[in-house]
PDB file of N, CA and C in Angstrom:
ATOM      1  N   MET A   1     211.820 163.406 153.313  1.00  0.00           N
ATOM      2  CA  MET A   1     211.299 163.166 154.638  1.00  0.00           C
ATOM      3  C   MET A   1     209.984 163.909 154.839  1.00  0.00           C
ATOM      4  N   ILE A   2     209.900 165.141 154.377  1.00  0.00           N
ATOM      5  CA  ILE A   2     208.679 165.926 154.549  1.00  0.00           C
ATOM      6  C   ILE A   2     207.541 165.282 153.774  1.00  0.00           C
ATOM      7  N   TRP A   3     207.843 164.733 152.603  1.00  0.00           N
ATOM      8  CA  TRP A   3     206.817 164.072 151.796  1.00  0.00           C
ATOM      9  C   TRP A   3     206.227 162.886 152.543  1.00  0.00           C
ATOM     10  N   THR A   4     207.077 162.091 153.188  1.00  0.00           N
ATOM     11  CA  THR A   4     206.629 160.925 153.940  1.00  0.00           C
ATOM     12  C   THR A   4     205.771 161.343 155.131  1.00  0.00           C
ATOM     13  N   VAL A   5     206.199 162.342 155.862  1.00  0.00           N
ATOM     14  CA  VAL A   5     205.441 162.823 157.016  1.00  0.00           C
ATOM     15  C   VAL A   5     204.084 163.360 156.554  1.00  0.00           C
ATOM     16  N   THR A   6     204.061 164.061 155.446  1.00  0.00           N
ATOM     17  CA  THR A   6     202.816 164.603 154.913  1.00  0.00           C
ATOM     18  C   THR A   6     201.856 163.476 154.559  1.00  0.00           C
ATOM     19  N   ASN A   7     202.380 162.431 153.916  1.00  0.00           N
ATOM     20  CA  ASN A   7     201.521 161.296 153.552  1.00  0.00           C
ATOM     21  C   ASN A   7     200.991 160.571 154.784  1.00  0.00           C
ATOM     22  N   ILE A   8     201.805 160.459 155.818  1.00  0.00           N
ATOM     23  CA  ILE A   8     201.357 159.807 157.044  1.00  0.00           C
ATOM     24  C   ILE A   8     200.204 160.593 157.661  1.00  0.00           C
ATOM     25  N   PHE A   9     200.357 161.908 157.744  1.00  0.00           N
ATOM     26  CA  PHE A   9     199.296 162.725 158.321  1.00  0.00           C
ATOM     27  C   PHE A   9     198.052 162.711 157.449  1.00  0.00           C
ATOM     28  N   ALA A  10     198.216 162.702 156.153  1.00  0.00           N
ATOM     29  CA  ALA A  10     197.053 162.644 155.263  1.00  0.00           C
ATOM     30  C   ALA A  10     196.319 161.325 155.459  1.00  0.00           C
ATOM     31  N   GLY A  11     197.053 160.228 155.606  1.00  0.00           N
ATOM     32  CA  GLY A  11     196.427 158.937 155.844  1.00  0.00           C
ATOM     33  C   GLY A  11     195.687 158.887 157.167  1.00  0.00           C
ATOM     34  N   LEU A  12     196.282 159.455 158.198  1.00  0.00           N
ATOM     35  CA  LEU A  12     195.627 159.488 159.508  1.00  0.00           C
ATOM     36  C   LEU A  12     194.386 160.370 159.476  1.00  0.00           C
ATOM     37  N   ARG A  13     194.483 161.468 158.780  1.00  0.00           N
ATOM     38  CA  ARG A  13     193.346 162.378 158.683  1.00  0.00           C
ATOM     39  C   ARG A  13     192.186 161.688 157.956  1.00  0.00           C
ATOM     40  N   GLY A  14     192.502 160.917 156.913  1.00  0.00           N
ATOM     41  CA  GLY A  14     191.468 160.195 156.180  1.00  0.00           C
ATOM     42  C   GLY A  14     190.817 159.120 157.033  1.00  0.00           C
ATOM     43  N   ARG A  15     191.584 158.421 157.843  1.00  0.00           N
ATOM     44  CA  ARG A  15     191.026 157.396 158.726  1.00  0.00           C
ATOM     45  C   ARG A  15     190.141 158.011 159.797  1.00  0.00           C
ATOM     46  N   ARG A  16     190.615 159.139 160.333  1.00  0.00           N
ATOM     47  CA  ARG A  16     189.874 159.780 161.411  1.00  0.00           C
ATOM     48  C   ARG A  16     188.529 160.303 160.914  1.00  0.00           C
ATOM     49  N   SER A  17     188.497 160.794 159.690  1.00  0.00           N
ATOM     50  CA  SER A  17     187.257 161.351 159.171  1.00  0.00           C
ATOM     51  C   SER A  17     186.330 160.278 158.620  1.00  0.00           C
ATOM     52  N   GLY A  18     186.766 159.020 158.680  1.00  0.00           N
ATOM     53  CA  GLY A  18     185.910 157.939 158.228  1.00  0.00           C
ATOM     54  C   GLY A  18     186.019 157.655 156.748  1.00  0.00           C
ATOM     55  N   LEU A  19     186.892 158.353 156.057  1.00  0.00           N
ATOM     56  CA  LEU A  19     187.075 158.099 154.639  1.00  0.00           C
ATOM     57  C   LEU A  19     187.921 156.852 154.446  1.00  0.00           C
ATOM     58  N   GLN A  20     187.502 156.010 153.566  1.00  0.00           N
ATOM     59  CA  GLN A  20     188.280 154.823 153.266  1.00  0.00           C
ATOM     60  C   GLN A  20     188.580 154.825 151.781  1.00  0.00           C
ATOM     61  N   THR A  21     189.780 154.405 151.475  1.00  0.00           N
ATOM     62  CA  THR A  21     190.115 154.320 150.065  1.00  0.00           C
ATOM     63  C   THR A  21     189.576 153.003 149.534  1.00  0.00           C
ATOM     64  N   THR A  22     189.015 153.054 148.374  1.00  0.00           N
ATOM     65  CA  THR A  22     188.507 151.819 147.769  1.00  0.00           C
ATOM     66  C   THR A  22     189.636 151.153 147.004  1.00  0.00           C
ATOM     67  N   PRO A  23     189.703 149.832 147.066  1.00  0.00           N
ATOM     68  CA  PRO A  23     190.754 149.153 146.338  1.00  0.00           C
ATOM     69  C   PRO A  23     190.560 149.309 144.831  1.00  0.00           C
ATOM     70  N   LYS A  24     191.673 149.333 144.118  1.00  0.00           N
ATOM     71  CA  LYS A  24     191.596 149.443 142.670  1.00  0.00           C
ATOM     72  C   LYS A  24     190.928 148.188 142.112  1.00  0.00           C
ATOM     73  N   PRO A  25     190.074 148.350 141.122  1.00  0.00           N
ATOM     74  CA  PRO A  25     189.482 147.152 140.527  1.00  0.00           C
ATOM     75  C   PRO A  25     190.550 146.343 139.815  1.00  0.00           C
ATOM     76  N   LEU A  26     190.416 145.042 139.912  1.00  0.00           N
ATOM     77  CA  LEU A  26     191.383 144.167 139.273  1.00  0.00           C
ATOM     78  C   LEU A  26     191.171 144.144 137.768  1.00  0.00           C
ATOM     79  N   PRO A  27     192.247 144.135 137.024  1.00  0.00           N
ATOM     80  CA  PRO A  27     192.084 143.950 135.587  1.00  0.00           C
ATOM     81  C   PRO A  27     191.424 142.601 135.315  1.00  0.00           C
ATOM     82  N   LYS A  28     190.746 142.500 134.205  1.00  0.00           N
ATOM     83  CA  LYS A  28     189.991 141.283 133.851  1.00  0.00           C
ATOM     84  C   LYS A  28     190.874 140.048 133.865  1.00  0.00           C
ATOM     85  N   LEU A  29     192.053 140.132 133.311  1.00  0.00           N
ATOM     86  CA  LEU A  29     192.934 138.974 133.245  1.00  0.00           C
ATOM     87  C   LEU A  29     193.335 138.502 134.637  1.00  0.00           C
ATOM     88  N   GLN A  30     193.664 139.442 135.515  1.00  0.00           N
ATOM     89  CA  GLN A  30     194.065 139.081 136.868  1.00  0.00           C
ATOM     90  C   GLN A  30     192.877 138.482 137.629  1.00  0.00           C
ATOM     91  N   ALA A  31     191.706 139.015 137.451  1.00  0.00           N
ATOM     92  CA  ALA A  31     190.511 138.476 138.113  1.00  0.00           C
ATOM     93  C   ALA A  31     190.219 137.061 137.618  1.00  0.00           C
ATOM     94  N   ASP A  32     190.408 136.838 136.318  1.00  0.00           N
ATOM     95  CA  ASP A  32     190.193 135.494 135.775  1.00  0.00           C
ATOM     96  C   ASP A  32     191.218 134.503 136.341  1.00  0.00           C
ATOM     97  N   ARG A  33     192.454 134.942 136.471  1.00  0.00           N
ATOM     98  CA  ARG A  33     193.479 134.054 137.037  1.00  0.00           C
ATOM     99  C   ARG A  33     193.182 133.726 138.493  1.00  0.00           C
ATOM    100  N   LEU A  34     192.723 134.721 139.252  1.00  0.00           N
ATOM    101  CA  LEU A  34     192.344 134.465 140.653  1.00  0.00           C
ATOM    102  C   LEU A  34     191.230 133.431 140.727  1.00  0.00           C
ATOM    103  N   GLU A  35     190.258 133.553 139.854  1.00  0.00           N
ATOM    104  CA  GLU A  35     189.150 132.589 139.857  1.00  0.00           C
ATOM    105  C   GLU A  35     189.640 131.198 139.456  1.00  0.00           C
ATOM    106  N   ASP A  36     190.566 131.122 138.513  1.00  0.00           N
ATOM    107  CA  ASP A  36     191.147 129.824 138.138  1.00  0.00           C
ATOM    108  C   ASP A  36     191.879 129.186 139.315  1.00  0.00           C
ATOM    109  N   ILE A  37     192.635 129.990 140.045  1.00  0.00           N
ATOM    110  CA  ILE A  37     193.359 129.481 141.218  1.00  0.00           C
ATOM    111  C   ILE A  37     192.365 128.991 142.266  1.00  0.00           C
ATOM    112  N   ARG A  38     191.333 129.774 142.495  1.00  0.00           N
ATOM    113  CA  ARG A  38     190.313 129.410 143.484  1.00  0.00           C
ATOM    114  C   ARG A  38     189.642 128.088 143.115  1.00  0.00           C
ATOM    115  N   LEU A  39     189.265 127.941 141.849  1.00  0.00           N
ATOM    116  CA  LEU A  39     188.624 126.709 141.404  1.00  0.00           C
ATOM    117  C   LEU A  39     189.573 125.519 141.473  1.00  0.00           C
ATOM    118  N   THR A  40     190.836 125.736 141.169  1.00  0.00           N
ATOM    119  CA  THR A  40     191.819 124.661 141.270  1.00  0.00           C
ATOM    120  C   THR A  40     191.959 124.193 142.713  1.00  0.00           C
ATOM    121  N   MET A  41     192.003 125.136 143.635  1.00  0.00           N
ATOM    122  CA  MET A  41     192.113 124.785 145.052  1.00  0.00           C
ATOM    123  C   MET A  41     190.898 123.985 145.513  1.00  0.00           C
ATOM    124  N   LEU A  42     189.717 124.404 145.088  1.00  0.00           N
ATOM    125  CA  LEU A  42     188.501 123.685 145.476  1.00  0.00           C
ATOM    126  C   LEU A  42     188.443 122.307 144.819  1.00  0.00           C
ATOM    127  N   ASP A  43     188.906 122.200 143.577  1.00  0.00           N
ATOM    128  CA  ASP A  43     188.958 120.898 142.908  1.00  0.00           C
ATOM    129  C   ASP A  43     189.924 119.957 143.616  1.00  0.00           C
ATOM    130  N   MET A  44     191.049 120.479 144.086  1.00  0.00           N
ATOM    131  CA  MET A  44     191.998 119.653 144.824  1.00  0.00           C
ATOM    132  C   MET A  44     191.367 119.085 146.087  1.00  0.00           C
ATOM    133  N   LEU A  45     190.559 119.878 146.728  1.00  0.00           N
ATOM    134  CA  LEU A  45     189.902 119.460 147.958  1.00  0.00           C
ATOM    135  C   LEU A  45     188.816 118.428 147.672  1.00  0.00           C
ATOM    136  N   GLY A  46     188.072 118.625 146.603  1.00  0.00           N
ATOM    137  CA  GLY A  46     187.039 117.671 146.207  1.00  0.00           C
ATOM    138  C   GLY A  46     185.823 117.722 147.118  1.00  0.00           C
ATOM    139  N   MET A  47     184.842 116.899 146.782  1.00  0.00           N
ATOM    140  CA  MET A  47     183.590 116.852 147.547  1.00  0.00           C
ATOM    141  C   MET A  47     183.804 116.292 148.944  1.00  0.00           C
ATOM    142  N   ASP A  48     184.604 115.249 149.037  1.00  0.00           N
ATOM    143  CA  ASP A  48     184.867 114.628 150.341  1.00  0.00           C
ATOM    144  C   ASP A  48     185.603 115.614 151.257  1.00  0.00           C
ATOM    145  N   GLY A  49     186.573 116.309 150.712  1.00  0.00           N
ATOM    146  CA  GLY A  49     187.301 117.293 151.492  1.00  0.00           C
ATOM    147  C   GLY A  49     186.430 118.466 151.913  1.00  0.00           C
ATOM    148  N   ALA A  50     185.540 118.882 151.020  1.00  0.00           N
ATOM    149  CA  ALA A  50     184.632 119.990 151.346  1.00  0.00           C
ATOM    150  C   ALA A  50     183.702 119.601 152.489  1.00  0.00           C
ATOM    151  N   LYS A  51     183.327 118.339 152.539  1.00  0.00           N
ATOM    152  CA  LYS A  51     182.449 117.866 153.607  1.00  0.00           C
ATOM    153  C   LYS A  51     183.185 117.821 154.957  1.00  0.00           C
ATOM    154  N   HIS A  52     184.454 117.390 154.924  1.00  0.00           N
ATOM    155  CA  HIS A  52     185.218 117.259 156.164  1.00  0.00           C
ATOM    156  C   HIS A  52     185.900 118.557 156.610  1.00  0.00           C
ATOM    157  N   TYR A  53     186.159 119.458 155.676  1.00  0.00           N
ATOM    158  CA  TYR A  53     186.885 120.697 155.979  1.00  0.00           C
ATOM    159  C   TYR A  53     186.131 121.917 155.432  1.00  0.00           C
ATOM    160  N   PRO A  54     184.929 122.193 155.941  1.00  0.00           N
ATOM    161  CA  PRO A  54     184.161 123.334 155.403  1.00  0.00           C
ATOM    162  C   PRO A  54     184.824 124.678 155.666  1.00  0.00           C
ATOM    163  N   GLN A  55     185.627 124.767 156.728  1.00  0.00           N
ATOM    164  CA  GLN A  55     186.296 126.028 157.017  1.00  0.00           C
ATOM    165  C   GLN A  55     187.337 126.369 155.954  1.00  0.00           C
ATOM    166  N   VAL A  56     187.948 125.355 155.363  1.00  0.00           N
ATOM    167  CA  VAL A  56     188.921 125.595 154.281  1.00  0.00           C
ATOM    168  C   VAL A  56     188.201 126.085 153.037  1.00  0.00           C
ATOM    169  N   VAL A  57     187.065 125.469 152.731  1.00  0.00           N
ATOM    170  CA  VAL A  57     186.265 125.899 151.580  1.00  0.00           C
ATOM    171  C   VAL A  57     185.828 127.346 151.761  1.00  0.00           C
ATOM    172  N   ARG A  58     185.372 127.680 152.958  1.00  0.00           N
ATOM    173  CA  ARG A  58     184.935 129.038 153.245  1.00  0.00           C
ATOM    174  C   ARG A  58     186.086 130.026 153.086  1.00  0.00           C
ATOM    175  N   ARG A  59     187.259 129.663 153.586  1.00  0.00           N
ATOM    176  CA  ARG A  59     188.414 130.570 153.479  1.00  0.00           C
ATOM    177  C   ARG A  59     188.805 130.786 152.024  1.00  0.00           C
ATOM    178  N   ILE A  60     188.766 129.731 151.232  1.00  0.00           N
ATOM    179  CA  ILE A  60     189.104 129.863 149.807  1.00  0.00           C
ATOM    180  C   ILE A  60     188.079 130.753 149.103  1.00  0.00           C
ATOM    181  N   HIS A  61     186.800 130.545 149.386  1.00  0.00           N
ATOM    182  CA  HIS A  61     185.754 131.360 148.764  1.00  0.00           C
ATOM    183  C   HIS A  61     185.861 132.835 149.155  1.00  0.00           C
ATOM    184  N   LEU A  62     186.227 133.106 150.390  1.00  0.00           N
ATOM    185  CA  LEU A  62     186.246 134.483 150.866  1.00  0.00           C
ATOM    186  C   LEU A  62     187.554 135.216 150.594  1.00  0.00           C
ATOM    187  N   SER A  63     188.551 134.516 150.081  1.00  0.00           N
ATOM    188  CA  SER A  63     189.826 135.162 149.761  1.00  0.00           C
ATOM    189  C   SER A  63     189.638 136.085 148.579  1.00  0.00           C
ATOM    190  N   GLY A  64     189.913 137.358 148.791  1.00  0.00           N
ATOM    191  CA  GLY A  64     189.626 138.354 147.772  1.00  0.00           C
ATOM    192  C   GLY A  64     190.778 138.705 146.854  1.00  0.00           C
ATOM    193  N   ASP A  65     191.988 138.274 147.183  1.00  0.00           N
ATOM    194  CA  ASP A  65     193.126 138.601 146.337  1.00  0.00           C
ATOM    195  C   ASP A  65     194.121 137.441 146.335  1.00  0.00           C
ATOM    196  N   ALA A  66     195.169 137.599 145.546  1.00  0.00           N
ATOM    197  CA  ALA A  66     196.159 136.539 145.392  1.00  0.00           C
ATOM    198  C   ALA A  66     196.886 136.241 146.702  1.00  0.00           C
ATOM    199  N   GLN A  67     197.152 137.267 147.495  1.00  0.00           N
ATOM    200  CA  GLN A  67     197.857 137.052 148.758  1.00  0.00           C
ATOM    201  C   GLN A  67     197.007 136.231 149.719  1.00  0.00           C
ATOM    202  N   ALA A  68     195.727 136.499 149.784  1.00  0.00           N
ATOM    203  CA  ALA A  68     194.843 135.739 150.667  1.00  0.00           C
ATOM    204  C   ALA A  68     194.762 134.280 150.225  1.00  0.00           C
ATOM    205  N   LEU A  69     194.690 134.051 148.919  1.00  0.00           N
ATOM    206  CA  LEU A  69     194.683 132.675 148.424  1.00  0.00           C
ATOM    207  C   LEU A  69     196.022 131.996 148.689  1.00  0.00           C
ATOM    208  N   TRP A  70     197.107 132.750 148.578  1.00  0.00           N
ATOM    209  CA  TRP A  70     198.434 132.194 148.850  1.00  0.00           C
ATOM    210  C   TRP A  70     198.515 131.693 150.293  1.00  0.00           C
ATOM    211  N   TYR A  71     198.008 132.488 151.220  1.00  0.00           N
ATOM    212  CA  TYR A  71     198.047 132.089 152.624  1.00  0.00           C
ATOM    213  C   TYR A  71     197.051 130.967 152.927  1.00  0.00           C
ATOM    214  N   ALA A  72     195.997 130.849 152.140  1.00  0.00           N
ATOM    215  CA  ALA A  72     195.027 129.760 152.324  1.00  0.00           C
ATOM    216  C   ALA A  72     195.618 128.413 151.934  1.00  0.00           C
ATOM    217  N   ARG A  73     196.735 128.432 151.228  1.00  0.00           N
ATOM    218  CA  ARG A  73     197.398 127.179 150.835  1.00  0.00           C
ATOM    219  C   ARG A  73     197.777 126.326 152.046  1.00  0.00           C
ATOM    220  N   ALA A  74     198.132 126.962 153.154  1.00  0.00           N
ATOM    221  CA  ALA A  74     198.519 126.207 154.359  1.00  0.00           C
ATOM    222  C   ALA A  74     197.351 125.373 154.868  1.00  0.00           C
ATOM    223  N   ASP A  75     196.162 125.959 154.909  1.00  0.00           N
ATOM    224  CA  ASP A  75     194.979 125.212 155.342  1.00  0.00           C
ATOM    225  C   ASP A  75     194.636 124.104 154.351  1.00  0.00           C
ATOM    226  N   LEU A  76     194.783 124.426 153.070  1.00  0.00           N
ATOM    227  CA  LEU A  76     194.516 123.416 152.045  1.00  0.00           C
ATOM    228  C   LEU A  76     195.492 122.253 152.157  1.00  0.00           C
ATOM    229  N   MET A  77     196.759 122.550 152.388  1.00  0.00           N
ATOM    230  CA  MET A  77     197.765 121.497 152.535  1.00  0.00           C
ATOM    231  C   MET A  77     197.423 120.599 153.716  1.00  0.00           C
ATOM    232  N   ALA A  78     197.039 121.191 154.842  1.00  0.00           N
ATOM    233  CA  ALA A  78     196.674 120.399 156.019  1.00  0.00           C
ATOM    234  C   ALA A  78     195.463 119.515 155.742  1.00  0.00           C
ATOM    235  N   ALA A  79     194.479 120.061 155.029  1.00  0.00           N
ATOM    236  CA  ALA A  79     193.290 119.283 154.696  1.00  0.00           C
ATOM    237  C   ALA A  79     193.642 118.130 153.753  1.00  0.00           C
ATOM    238  N   LEU A  80     194.452 118.407 152.743  1.00  0.00           N
ATOM    239  CA  LEU A  80     194.843 117.358 151.799  1.00  0.00           C
ATOM    240  C   LEU A  80     195.684 116.277 152.477  1.00  0.00           C
ATOM    241  N   ALA A  81     196.545 116.684 153.398  1.00  0.00           N
ATOM    242  CA  ALA A  81     197.345 115.701 154.134  1.00  0.00           C
ATOM    243  C   ALA A  81     196.437 114.827 155.002  1.00  0.00           C
ATOM    244  N   GLY A  82     195.394 115.400 155.561  1.00  0.00           N
ATOM    245  CA  GLY A  82     194.450 114.630 156.348  1.00  0.00           C
ATOM    246  C   GLY A  82     193.617 113.677 155.507  1.00  0.00           C
ATOM    247  N   LEU A  83     193.324 114.081 154.277  1.00  0.00           N
ATOM    248  CA  LEU A  83     192.514 113.243 153.395  1.00  0.00           C
ATOM    249  C   LEU A  83     193.339 112.151 152.719  1.00  0.00           C
ATOM    250  N   HIS A  84     194.532 112.506 152.292  1.00  0.00           N
ATOM    251  CA  HIS A  84     195.341 111.585 151.493  1.00  0.00           C
ATOM    252  C   HIS A  84     196.612 111.222 152.262  1.00  0.00           C
ATOM    253  N   SER A  85     197.648 111.958 152.013  1.00  0.00           N
ATOM    254  CA  SER A  85     198.920 111.808 152.737  1.00  0.00           C
ATOM    255  C   SER A  85     199.682 113.111 152.554  1.00  0.00           C
ATOM    256  N   GLU A  86     200.715 113.282 153.364  1.00  0.00           N
ATOM    257  CA  GLU A  86     201.496 114.504 153.265  1.00  0.00           C
ATOM    258  C   GLU A  86     202.233 114.580 151.932  1.00  0.00           C
ATOM    259  N   GLN A  87     202.677 113.448 151.425  1.00  0.00           N
ATOM    260  CA  GLN A  87     203.389 113.439 150.146  1.00  0.00           C
ATOM    261  C   GLN A  87     202.475 113.845 149.001  1.00  0.00           C
ATOM    262  N   VAL A  88     201.253 113.342 148.998  1.00  0.00           N
ATOM    263  CA  VAL A  88     200.281 113.721 147.959  1.00  0.00           C
ATOM    264  C   VAL A  88     199.967 115.216 148.069  1.00  0.00           C
ATOM    265  N   ALA A  89     199.766 115.688 149.302  1.00  0.00           N
ATOM    266  CA  ALA A  89     199.466 117.107 149.515  1.00  0.00           C
ATOM    267  C   ALA A  89     200.614 117.983 149.034  1.00  0.00           C
ATOM    268  N   HIS A  90     201.845 117.582 149.328  1.00  0.00           N
ATOM    269  CA  HIS A  90     203.010 118.349 148.904  1.00  0.00           C
ATOM    270  C   HIS A  90     203.105 118.424 147.376  1.00  0.00           C
ATOM    271  N   THR A  91     202.859 117.315 146.724  1.00  0.00           N
ATOM    272  CA  THR A  91     202.899 117.284 145.257  1.00  0.00           C
ATOM    273  C   THR A  91     201.846 118.221 144.669  1.00  0.00           C
ATOM    274  N   LYS A  92     200.663 118.207 145.247  1.00  0.00           N
ATOM    275  CA  LYS A  92     199.605 119.096 144.754  1.00  0.00           C
ATOM    276  C   LYS A  92     199.946 120.572 145.006  1.00  0.00           C
ATOM    277  N   MET A  93     200.586 120.864 146.119  1.00  0.00           N
ATOM    278  CA  MET A  93     200.970 122.244 146.422  1.00  0.00           C
ATOM    279  C   MET A  93     202.002 122.765 145.434  1.00  0.00           C
ATOM    280  N   ILE A  94     202.887 121.902 144.972  1.00  0.00           N
ATOM    281  CA  ILE A  94     203.888 122.317 143.978  1.00  0.00           C
ATOM    282  C   ILE A  94     203.188 122.752 142.703  1.00  0.00           C
ATOM    283  N   SER A  95     202.210 121.969 142.248  1.00  0.00           N
ATOM    284  CA  SER A  95     201.502 122.343 141.020  1.00  0.00           C
ATOM    285  C   SER A  95     200.656 123.592 141.226  1.00  0.00           C
ATOM    286  N   LEU A  96     200.099 123.764 142.426  1.00  0.00           N
ATOM    287  CA  LEU A  96     199.307 124.955 142.716  1.00  0.00           C
ATOM    288  C   LEU A  96     200.175 126.203 142.759  1.00  0.00           C
ATOM    289  N   SER A  97     201.357 126.097 143.310  1.00  0.00           N
ATOM    290  CA  SER A  97     202.248 127.257 143.428  1.00  0.00           C
ATOM    291  C   SER A  97     202.602 127.840 142.077  1.00  0.00           C
ATOM    292  N   ALA A  98     202.676 127.003 141.061  1.00  0.00           N
ATOM    293  CA  ALA A  98     203.009 127.484 139.708  1.00  0.00           C
ATOM    294  C   ALA A  98     201.934 128.431 139.179  1.00  0.00           C
ATOM    295  N   LEU A  99     200.702 128.267 139.629  1.00  0.00           N
ATOM    296  CA  LEU A  99     199.607 129.132 139.157  1.00  0.00           C
ATOM    297  C   LEU A  99     199.730 130.566 139.663  1.00  0.00           C
ATOM    298  N   PHE A 100     200.504 130.774 140.718  1.00  0.00           N
ATOM    299  CA  PHE A 100     200.659 132.094 141.317  1.00  0.00           C
ATOM    300  C   PHE A 100     201.757 132.930 140.653  1.00  0.00           C
ATOM    301  N   ASP A 101     202.454 132.386 139.663  1.00  0.00           N
ATOM    302  CA  ASP A 101     203.537 133.122 139.012  1.00  0.00           C
ATOM    303  C   ASP A 101     203.041 134.459 138.476  1.00  0.00           C
ATOM    304  N   GLY A 102     203.709 135.521 138.903  1.00  0.00           N
ATOM    305  CA  GLY A 102     203.367 136.859 138.465  1.00  0.00           C
ATOM    306  C   GLY A 102     202.233 137.513 139.226  1.00  0.00           C
ATOM    307  N   MET A 103     201.627 136.820 140.159  1.00  0.00           N
ATOM    308  CA  MET A 103     200.488 137.354 140.903  1.00  0.00           C
ATOM    309  C   MET A 103     200.894 137.938 142.259  1.00  0.00           C
ATOM    310  N   LEU A 104     202.070 137.569 142.757  1.00  0.00           N
ATOM    311  CA  LEU A 104     202.504 137.948 144.096  1.00  0.00           C
ATOM    312  C   LEU A 104     203.817 138.703 144.034  1.00  0.00           C
ATOM    313  N   PRO A 105     204.103 139.474 145.083  1.00  0.00           N
ATOM    314  CA  PRO A 105     205.433 140.080 145.172  1.00  0.00           C
ATOM    315  C   PRO A 105     206.496 138.984 145.186  1.00  0.00           C
ATOM    316  N   ARG A 106     207.635 139.278 144.651  1.00  0.00           N
ATOM    317  CA  ARG A 106     208.699 138.284 144.484  1.00  0.00           C
ATOM    318  C   ARG A 106     209.086 137.602 145.799  1.00  0.00           C
ATOM    319  N   GLY A 107     209.102 138.332 146.884  1.00  0.00           N
ATOM    320  CA  GLY A 107     209.499 137.773 148.176  1.00  0.00           C
ATOM    321  C   GLY A 107     208.521 136.767 148.743  1.00  0.00           C
ATOM    322  N   MET A 108     207.307 136.713 148.220  1.00  0.00           N
ATOM    323  CA  MET A 108     206.300 135.794 148.756  1.00  0.00           C
ATOM    324  C   MET A 108     206.317 134.434 148.070  1.00  0.00           C
ATOM    325  N   MET A 109     206.927 134.338 146.922  1.00  0.00           N
ATOM    326  CA  MET A 109     206.909 133.080 146.174  1.00  0.00           C
ATOM    327  C   MET A 109     207.753 132.021 146.871  1.00  0.00           C
ATOM    328  N   SER A 110     207.379 130.781 146.650  1.00  0.00           N
ATOM    329  CA  SER A 110     208.122 129.656 147.226  1.00  0.00           C
ATOM    330  C   SER A 110     209.513 129.589 146.630  1.00  0.00           C
ATOM    331  N   ARG A 111     210.424 129.182 147.475  1.00  0.00           N
ATOM    332  CA  ARG A 111     211.788 128.966 146.998  1.00  0.00           C
ATOM    333  C   ARG A 111     211.986 127.479 146.781  1.00  0.00           C
ATOM    334  N   THR A 112     212.894 127.141 145.903  1.00  0.00           N
ATOM    335  CA  THR A 112     213.171 125.740 145.683  1.00  0.00           C
ATOM    336  C   THR A 112     213.898 125.180 146.900  1.00  0.00           C
ATOM    337  N   THR A 113     213.701 123.918 147.149  1.00  0.00           N
ATOM    338  CA  THR A 113     214.298 123.289 148.313  1.00  0.00           C
ATOM    339  C   THR A 113     215.047 122.031 147.898  1.00  0.00           C
ATOM    340  N   THR A 114     215.996 121.654 148.713  1.00  0.00           N
ATOM    341  CA  THR A 114     216.742 120.435 148.436  1.00  0.00           C
ATOM    342  C   THR A 114     216.197 119.259 149.226  1.00  0.00           C
ATOM    343  N   LEU A 115     215.142 119.500 150.007  1.00  0.00           N
ATOM    344  CA  LEU A 115     214.533 118.430 150.787  1.00  0.00           C
ATOM    345  C   LEU A 115     213.812 117.462 149.864  1.00  0.00           C
ATOM    346  N   ARG A 116     213.909 116.212 150.151  1.00  0.00           N
ATOM    347  CA  ARG A 116     213.226 115.187 149.370  1.00  0.00           C
ATOM    348  C   ARG A 116     212.087 114.619 150.189  1.00  0.00           C
ATOM    349  N   MET A 117     210.965 114.404 149.552  1.00  0.00           N
ATOM    350  CA  MET A 117     209.803 113.842 150.247  1.00  0.00           C
ATOM    351  C   MET A 117     209.644 112.406 149.868  1.00  0.00           C
TER     352      MET A 117
END
């Protein structure tokens, strides 16, 4: 308990003094995988989608880690459903989700469903 309280106060003291911790640099392999995921998402959207949904393109470009890209999937799904159909968008999301294996905490990954589209 004392260790936790000490860490909380140390964190508050660092914030108050303006010190910020810098994020750890990503290993090369993880950075390459993030870029592959980003490019796959942009390829799914295509040129027509980029023209109609520039905010989705911007969100994908500005996502700095796997979690941010994971959450950007919702916007991508909505854009793909608007461009094609919900069934096509869902199929593409399944293939995209496989690219995130090992990149996210276990609780964030998609679970299998019995719903049929």
